[in-house]
Structure formats: structure tokens, C-alpha cells
C-alpha atoms as a PDB file:
ATOM      1  CA  MET A   1    -127.170  80.324  55.196  1.00  0.00           C
ATOM      2  CA  SER A   2    -126.042  79.659  58.753  1.00  0.00           C
ATOM      3  CA  ARG A   3    -123.745  81.773  60.888  1.00  0.00           C
ATOM      4  CA  SER A   4    -121.267  78.899  60.965  1.00  0.00           C
ATOM      5  CA  GLU A   5    -121.142  78.936  57.167  1.00  0.00           C
ATOM      6  CA  PHE A   6    -120.189  82.629  57.307  1.00  0.00           C
ATOM      7  CA  SER A   7    -117.485  81.770  59.851  1.00  0.00           C
ATOM      8  CA  ARG A   8    -116.135  79.378  57.245  1.00  0.00           C
ATOM      9  CA  GLY A   9    -116.559  82.108  54.610  1.00  0.00           C
ATOM     10  CA  THR A  10    -114.437  84.446  56.728  1.00  0.00           C
ATOM     11  CA  LEU A  11    -111.587  81.943  56.680  1.00  0.00           C
ATOM     12  CA  ILE A  12    -111.990  81.283  52.953  1.00  0.00           C
ATOM     13  CA  CYS A  13    -111.833  85.019  52.203  1.00  0.00           C
ATOM     14  CA  ILE A  14    -108.753  85.481  54.401  1.00  0.00           C
ATOM     15  CA  GLU A  15    -107.042  82.556  52.681  1.00  0.00           C
ATOM     16  CA  ASN A  16    -107.903  84.055  49.286  1.00  0.00           C
ATOM     17  CA  ALA A  17    -106.539  87.456  50.347  1.00  0.00           C
ATOM     18  CA  GLU A  18    -103.319  85.904  51.624  1.00  0.00           C
ATOM     19  CA  LYS A  19    -102.817  84.111  48.298  1.00  0.00           C
ATOM     20  CA  TRP A  20    -103.374  87.302  46.296  1.00  0.00           C
ATOM     21  CA  MET A  21    -100.942  89.194  48.506  1.00  0.00           C
ATOM     22  CA  LYS A  22     -98.287  86.477  48.431  1.00  0.00           C
ATOM     23  CA  GLU A  23     -98.540  86.259  44.633  1.00  0.00           C
ATOM     24  CA  ALA A  24     -98.208  90.049  44.506  1.00  0.00           C
ATOM     25  CA  GLU A  25     -94.937  89.781  46.444  1.00  0.00           C
ATOM     26  CA  ILE A  26     -93.619  87.195  43.993  1.00  0.00           C
ATOM     27  CA  LEU A  27     -94.373  89.455  41.030  1.00  0.00           C
ATOM     28  CA  ALA A  28     -92.930  92.514  42.785  1.00  0.00           C
ATOM     29  CA  GLU A  29     -89.700  90.636  43.438  1.00  0.00           C
ATOM     30  CA  LYS A  30     -89.484  90.140  39.666  1.00  0.00           C
ATOM     31  CA  GLY A  31     -90.048  93.876  39.072  1.00  0.00           C
ATOM     32  CA  SER A  32     -93.629  93.512  37.822  1.00  0.00           C
ATOM     33  CA  TYR A  33     -95.091  96.258  40.016  1.00  0.00           C
ATOM     34  CA  GLY A  34     -98.194  96.879  37.900  1.00  0.00           C
ATOM     35  CA  HIS A  35     -99.370  93.284  38.008  1.00  0.00           C
ATOM     36  CA  ALA A  36     -98.362  93.082  41.681  1.00  0.00           C
ATOM     37  CA  SER A  37    -100.428  96.186  42.472  1.00  0.00           C
ATOM     38  CA  ALA A  38    -103.467  94.689  40.735  1.00  0.00           C
ATOM     39  CA  LEU A  39    -103.116  91.516  42.806  1.00  0.00           C
ATOM     40  CA  LEU A  40    -102.784  93.542  46.015  1.00  0.00           C
ATOM     41  CA  ILE A  41    -106.046  95.289  45.217  1.00  0.00           C
ATOM     42  CA  HIS A  42    -107.714  91.903  44.700  1.00  0.00           C
ATOM     43  CA  GLY A  43    -106.328  90.894  48.110  1.00  0.00           C
ATOM     44  CA  ILE A  44    -107.686  94.072  49.680  1.00  0.00           C
ATOM     45  CA  GLU A  45    -111.125  93.292  48.292  1.00  0.00           C
ATOM     46  CA  ALA A  46    -110.943  89.735  49.633  1.00  0.00           C
ATOM     47  CA  LEU A  47    -110.117  91.145  53.084  1.00  0.00           C
ATOM     48  CA  ALA A  48    -113.192  93.389  52.910  1.00  0.00           C
ATOM     49  CA  GLN A  49    -115.250  90.310  52.080  1.00  0.00           C
ATOM     50  CA  ALA A  50    -113.726  88.528  55.089  1.00  0.00           C
ATOM     51  CA  TRP A  51    -114.934  91.378  57.276  1.00  0.00           C
ATOM     52  CA  ILE A  52    -118.499  91.218  56.016  1.00  0.00           C
ATOM     53  CA  CYS A  53    -118.524  87.421  56.450  1.00  0.00           C
ATOM     54  CA  PHE A  54    -117.300  87.947  60.004  1.00  0.00           C
ATOM     55  CA  THR A  55    -120.116  90.410  60.757  1.00  0.00           C
ATOM     56  CA  LEU A  56    -122.615  87.918  59.322  1.00  0.00           C
ATOM     57  CA  ALA A  57    -121.138  85.111  61.431  1.00  0.00           C
ATOM     58  CA  ARG A  58    -121.443  87.306  64.534  1.00  0.00           C
ATOM     59  CA  GLY A  59    -125.021  88.192  63.673  1.00  0.00           C
ATOM     60  CA  SER A  60    -124.318  91.936  63.543  1.00  0.00           C
ATOM     61  CA  SER A  61    -125.242  92.068  59.834  1.00  0.00           C
ATOM     62  CA  SER A  62    -127.927  90.357  57.812  1.00  0.00           C
ATOM     63  CA  MET A  63    -127.562  88.897  54.330  1.00  0.00           C
ATOM     64  CA  ASP A  64    -130.833  90.639  53.440  1.00  0.00           C
ATOM     65  CA  GLU A  65    -129.156  94.046  53.647  1.00  0.00           C
ATOM     66  CA  LYS A  66    -128.301  95.493  50.231  1.00  0.00           C
ATOM     67  CA  SER A  67    -125.029  96.898  51.547  1.00  0.00           C
ATOM     68  CA  VAL A  68    -123.984  93.401  52.666  1.00  0.00           C
ATOM     69  CA  LYS A  69    -124.726  91.891  49.265  1.00  0.00           C
ATOM     70  CA  ASP A  70    -122.735  94.705  47.646  1.00  0.00           C
ATOM     71  CA  PHE A  71    -119.591  93.501  49.478  1.00  0.00           C
ATOM     72  CA  PHE A  72    -119.748  90.457  47.241  1.00  0.00           C
ATOM     73  CA  ARG A  73    -120.673  92.272  44.030  1.00  0.00           C
ATOM     74  CA  LYS A  74    -119.192  95.752  43.868  1.00  0.00           C
ATOM     75  CA  HIS A  75    -115.567  96.824  43.820  1.00  0.00           C
ATOM     76  CA  ASP A  76    -116.341 100.323  45.083  1.00  0.00           C
ATOM     77  CA  VAL A  77    -118.015  99.084  48.274  1.00  0.00           C
ATOM     78  CA  LYS A  78    -115.027  96.917  49.178  1.00  0.00           C
ATOM     79  CA  LEU A  79    -112.570  99.681  48.319  1.00  0.00           C
ATOM     80  CA  ASP A  80    -114.599 102.295  50.243  1.00  0.00           C
ATOM     81  CA  PHE A  81    -114.340 100.057  53.300  1.00  0.00           C
ATOM     82  CA  PHE A  82    -110.582  99.710  52.783  1.00  0.00           C
ATOM     83  CA  VAL A  83    -110.105 103.482  52.424  1.00  0.00           C
ATOM     84  CA  ALA A  84    -112.171 104.182  55.541  1.00  0.00           C
ATOM     85  CA  ASN A  85    -109.964 101.811  57.535  1.00  0.00           C
ATOM     86  CA  ILE A  86    -106.744 103.285  56.160  1.00  0.00           C
ATOM     87  CA  LEU A  87    -107.979 106.755  57.090  1.00  0.00           C
ATOM     88  CA  ILE A  88    -108.841 105.606  60.618  1.00  0.00           C
ATOM     89  CA  HIS A  89    -105.321 104.246  60.948  1.00  0.00           C
ATOM     90  CA  ASP A  90    -103.480 107.178  59.368  1.00  0.00           C
ATOM     91  CA  VAL A  91    -105.481 109.987  60.971  1.00  0.00           C
ATOM     92  CA  GLY A  92    -105.468 108.296  64.378  1.00  0.00           C
ATOM     93  CA  LYS A  93    -101.730 107.639  64.196  1.00  0.00           C
ATOM     94  CA  GLU A  94    -100.984 111.223  63.147  1.00  0.00           C
ATOM     95  CA  PHE A  95    -103.102 112.565  66.013  1.00  0.00           C
ATOM     96  CA  LEU A  96    -101.515 110.306  68.628  1.00  0.00           C
ATOM     97  CA  LEU A  97     -97.953 110.913  67.472  1.00  0.00           C
ATOM     98  CA  ASN A  98     -98.088 114.652  66.832  1.00  0.00           C
ATOM     99  CA  HIS A  99    -101.119 116.230  68.502  1.00  0.00           C
ATOM    100  CA  PHE A 100    -101.858 114.198  71.620  1.00  0.00           C
ATOM    101  CA  LYS A 101    -100.661 115.349  75.028  1.00  0.00           C
ATOM    102  CA  LYS A 102    -100.749 113.238  78.154  1.00  0.00           C
ATOM    103  CA  GLU A 103    -102.269 116.082  80.162  1.00  0.00           C
ATOM    104  CA  ASP A 104    -105.251 116.216  77.789  1.00  0.00           C
ATOM    105  CA  MET A 105    -105.975 112.583  78.555  1.00  0.00           C
ATOM    106  CA  VAL A 106    -105.585 113.078  82.303  1.00  0.00           C
ATOM    107  CA  LYS A 107    -107.975 116.061  82.202  1.00  0.00           C
ATOM    108  CA  PHE A 108    -110.376 114.302  79.780  1.00  0.00           C
ATOM    109  CA  ASN A 109    -109.878 117.233  77.423  1.00  0.00           C
ATOM    110  CA  ILE A 110    -111.164 116.132  74.024  1.00  0.00           C
ATOM    111  CA  LEU A 111    -110.927 119.571  72.439  1.00  0.00           C
ATOM    112  CA  PRO A 112    -107.538 118.849  70.778  1.00  0.00           C
ATOM    113  CA  LEU A 113    -109.037 115.715  69.226  1.00  0.00           C
ATOM    114  CA  ILE A 114    -112.072 117.611  67.947  1.00  0.00           C
ATOM    115  CA  ASN A 115    -109.880 120.428  66.605  1.00  0.00           C
ATOM    116  CA  TYR A 116    -107.550 117.969  64.890  1.00  0.00           C
ATOM    117  CA  PHE A 117    -110.391 116.099  63.207  1.00  0.00           C
ATOM    118  CA  ASP A 118    -111.913 119.397  62.080  1.00  0.00           C
ATOM    119  CA  SER A 119    -108.562 120.370  60.563  1.00  0.00           C
ATOM    120  CA  VAL A 120    -108.310 117.165  58.488  1.00  0.00           C
ATOM    121  CA  LYS A 121    -111.980 116.871  57.519  1.00  0.00           C
ATOM    122  CA  ASP A 122    -111.483 118.136  53.963  1.00  0.00           C
ATOM    123  CA  MET A 123    -108.538 115.789  53.384  1.00  0.00           C
ATOM    124  CA  VAL A 124    -110.531 112.846  54.748  1.00  0.00           C
ATOM    125  CA  ASP A 125    -113.572 113.705  52.622  1.00  0.00           C
ATOM    126  CA  ASN A 126    -111.395 114.072  49.529  1.00  0.00           C
ATOM    127  CA  LYS A 127    -109.647 110.744  50.082  1.00  0.00           C
ATOM    128  CA  ARG A 128    -112.945 108.956  50.787  1.00  0.00           C
ATOM    129  CA  LYS A 129    -114.329 110.339  47.527  1.00  0.00           C
ATOM    130  CA  ASN A 130    -111.339 109.901  45.219  1.00  0.00           C
ATOM    131  CA  TYR A 131    -109.070 107.132  46.478  1.00  0.00           C
ATOM    132  CA  PRO A 132    -111.411 104.188  45.710  1.00  0.00           C
ATOM    133  CA  LYS A 133    -111.608 105.428  42.089  1.00  0.00           C
ATOM    134  CA  GLU A 134    -107.823 105.808  41.970  1.00  0.00           C
ATOM    135  CA  LEU A 135    -107.442 102.246  43.232  1.00  0.00           C
ATOM    136  CA  MET A 136    -109.712 100.899  40.484  1.00  0.00           C
ATOM    137  CA  GLU A 137    -107.717 102.884  37.926  1.00  0.00           C
ATOM    138  CA  LYS A 138    -104.476 101.489  39.375  1.00  0.00           C
ATOM    139  CA  ARG A 139    -105.907  97.977  39.261  1.00  0.00           C
ATOM    140  CA  ASN A 140    -106.900  98.414  35.622  1.00  0.00           C
ATOM    141  CA  CYS A 141    -103.561 100.042  34.745  1.00  0.00           C
ATOM    142  CA  GLY A 142    -101.848  97.124  36.465  1.00  0.00           C
ATOM    143  CA  ILE A 143    -103.668  94.654  34.221  1.00  0.00           C
ATOM    144  CA  TYR A 144    -104.222  96.257  30.822  1.00  0.00           C
ATOM    145  CA  VAL A 145    -102.304  98.191  28.211  1.00  0.00           C
ATOM    146  CA  ASP A 146    -104.222 101.358  27.393  1.00  0.00           C
ATOM    147  CA  TYR A 147    -103.762 104.308  25.086  1.00  0.00           C
ATOM    148  CA  ASP A 148    -103.749 107.867  26.439  1.00  0.00           C
ATOM    149  CA  TYR A 149    -105.244 109.876  23.569  1.00  0.00           C
ATOM    150  CA  GLU A 150    -104.600 113.208  25.265  1.00  0.00           C
ATOM    151  CA  ASN A 151    -100.860 112.591  25.594  1.00  0.00           C
ATOM    152  CA  GLU A 152    -100.668 110.277  22.570  1.00  0.00           C
ATOM    153  CA  LYS A 153     -98.874 107.433  24.292  1.00  0.00           C
ATOM    154  CA  PHE A 154     -99.420 103.880  25.437  1.00  0.00           C
ATOM    155  CA  LEU A 155     -99.820 103.099  29.114  1.00  0.00           C
ATOM    156  CA  SER A 156     -98.602  99.759  30.402  1.00  0.00           C
ATOM    157  CA  PRO A 157     -98.631  97.874  33.690  1.00  0.00           C
ATOM    158  CA  GLN A 158     -94.869  98.437  33.621  1.00  0.00           C
ATOM    159  CA  ASP A 159     -95.534 102.166  34.189  1.00  0.00           C
ATOM    160  CA  ILE A 160     -96.477 101.511  37.822  1.00  0.00           C
ATOM    161  CA  SER A 161     -93.393 102.199  39.917  1.00  0.00           C
ATOM    162  CA  LYS A 162     -91.876 100.286  42.779  1.00  0.00           C
ATOM    163  CA  GLU A 163     -92.683 103.237  45.065  1.00  0.00           C
ATOM    164  CA  GLU A 164     -96.373 103.135  44.095  1.00  0.00           C
ATOM    165  CA  TYR A 165     -96.447  99.396  44.732  1.00  0.00           C
ATOM    166  CA  LEU A 166     -94.702  99.737  48.113  1.00  0.00           C
ATOM    167  CA  LYS A 167     -97.134 102.456  49.242  1.00  0.00           C
ATOM    168  CA  LEU A 168    -100.076 100.245  48.338  1.00  0.00           C
ATOM    169  CA  LYS A 169     -98.432  97.211  49.959  1.00  0.00           C
ATOM    170  CA  ASN A 170     -97.970  99.156  53.185  1.00  0.00           C
ATOM    171  CA  GLU A 171    -101.644 100.142  53.180  1.00  0.00           C
ATOM    172  CA  ALA A 172    -102.690  96.551  52.422  1.00  0.00           C
ATOM    173  CA  ASP A 173    -100.525  95.300  55.297  1.00  0.00           C
ATOM    174  CA  VAL A 174    -102.075  97.836  57.681  1.00  0.00           C
ATOM    175  CA  PHE A 175    -105.567  96.804  56.574  1.00  0.00           C
ATOM    176  CA  GLU A 176    -104.757  93.121  56.982  1.00  0.00           C
ATOM    177  CA  THR A 177    -103.334  93.730  60.461  1.00  0.00           C
ATOM    178  CA  MET A 178    -106.369  95.764  61.538  1.00  0.00           C
ATOM    179  CA  LEU A 179    -108.841  93.152  60.325  1.00  0.00           C
ATOM    180  CA  SER A 180    -106.829  90.243  61.719  1.00  0.00           C
ATOM    181  CA  PHE A 181    -106.820  91.932  65.100  1.00  0.00           C
ATOM    182  CA  LEU A 182    -110.574  92.517  65.038  1.00  0.00           C
ATOM    183  CA  ILE A 183    -111.506  89.110  63.695  1.00  0.00           C
ATOM    184  CA  GLY A 184    -109.155  87.304  66.089  1.00  0.00           C
ATOM    185  CA  ASN A 185    -109.989  89.422  69.130  1.00  0.00           C
ATOM    186  CA  PRO A 186    -112.067  87.416  71.631  1.00  0.00           C
ATOM    187  CA  LEU A 187    -113.704  90.640  72.876  1.00  0.00           C
ATOM    188  CA  VAL A 188    -115.119  91.276  69.392  1.00  0.00           C
ATOM    189  CA  LYS A 189    -116.438  87.744  68.950  1.00  0.00           C
END
């Protein structure tokens, strides 16, 4: 397949993601936060696919790579990519807002950055390990009725709260903004 076809694939994936996310908003406005959350997760996965298509169009990835093929086949690969990007955003923002001093930049002192990243390493590792699984569980809970044998009760998509949906929507919006910036940035092309 040609690089131009992957350029087209990038646009198709972005369009698909935008549809999932818009449909999620419609359901959320009706109070269906479980179904809306499931659709957001589908949109997140479509954005991850847009990124891999973009790297293929640029020639920085090859379709022969197993990891590239997995972006089209495996939920966990797409969700791992999403979580990594959310962590980059959240950890970077926290550092810049609360731990960064202008004088460190002027002096090229990177020690505060190193110390900060060391202090959040366990949190980052934990989120990288567990959050993709939690997202798949949320997606499934947003779609299906299940029975919790331990607590002897039914679980329904209606159990997902507005707050849970809004947290996920914020993360999806951040991810979409990050990828849109990279894909649309002429310096990256």
C-alpha cells in the first residue's frame, strides 16, 4: 500500500473518531453515560489508528512491523498508546505548573525535572499497567449488562456516572488535541 493511501487512512480514521465522539456527546446529553463512555473509547482507538496511519504515510513506520499491524487488531495496543499520551500530558503539565522554576531553565538545570520524574515513576508505571485494562472494562460495562456474583447484583451501563464520563471525555479531548497538533504540524510532516 502506498504512503498516499495511508495519508487517506489518517483522514478516514480521524473522521471515524470524530463521529464516535460526537455520537458519545449526543448520548451523554440524554444521560446515557455508559453507552457514551463506550463510544468515547471507540473514538480513542480510532485516533490511535489515525496516528499509526500518519506514521506510515510519513515513512517512519512500516506495515511489516508487528506492532503496526497490532494498531489495527488489538484494543490494548491502541489503549496503551492513548494512556502513554495522557501521561505525557498530565505529568508534563503538573511539572510545568507546580515544579518548574524559570531560573532552572536559565541555568539549564534539569535536576528538578529528573527528580520530579523519579517521584512519579511508580504512579506512571501503575497507570501504564492498569489503565488500559480499566478502559476495556469501562467499555464493556458501557455496552453490556453483567452480573457481579461476588456482590450478587446486576451491573448496567447506567451505572457509569456523569463524572466518570466527563473525566474520560476530558482525556479523549486532550488526546485528540495532541494528535491533531502533531498530524497538522508542518514541522512533523
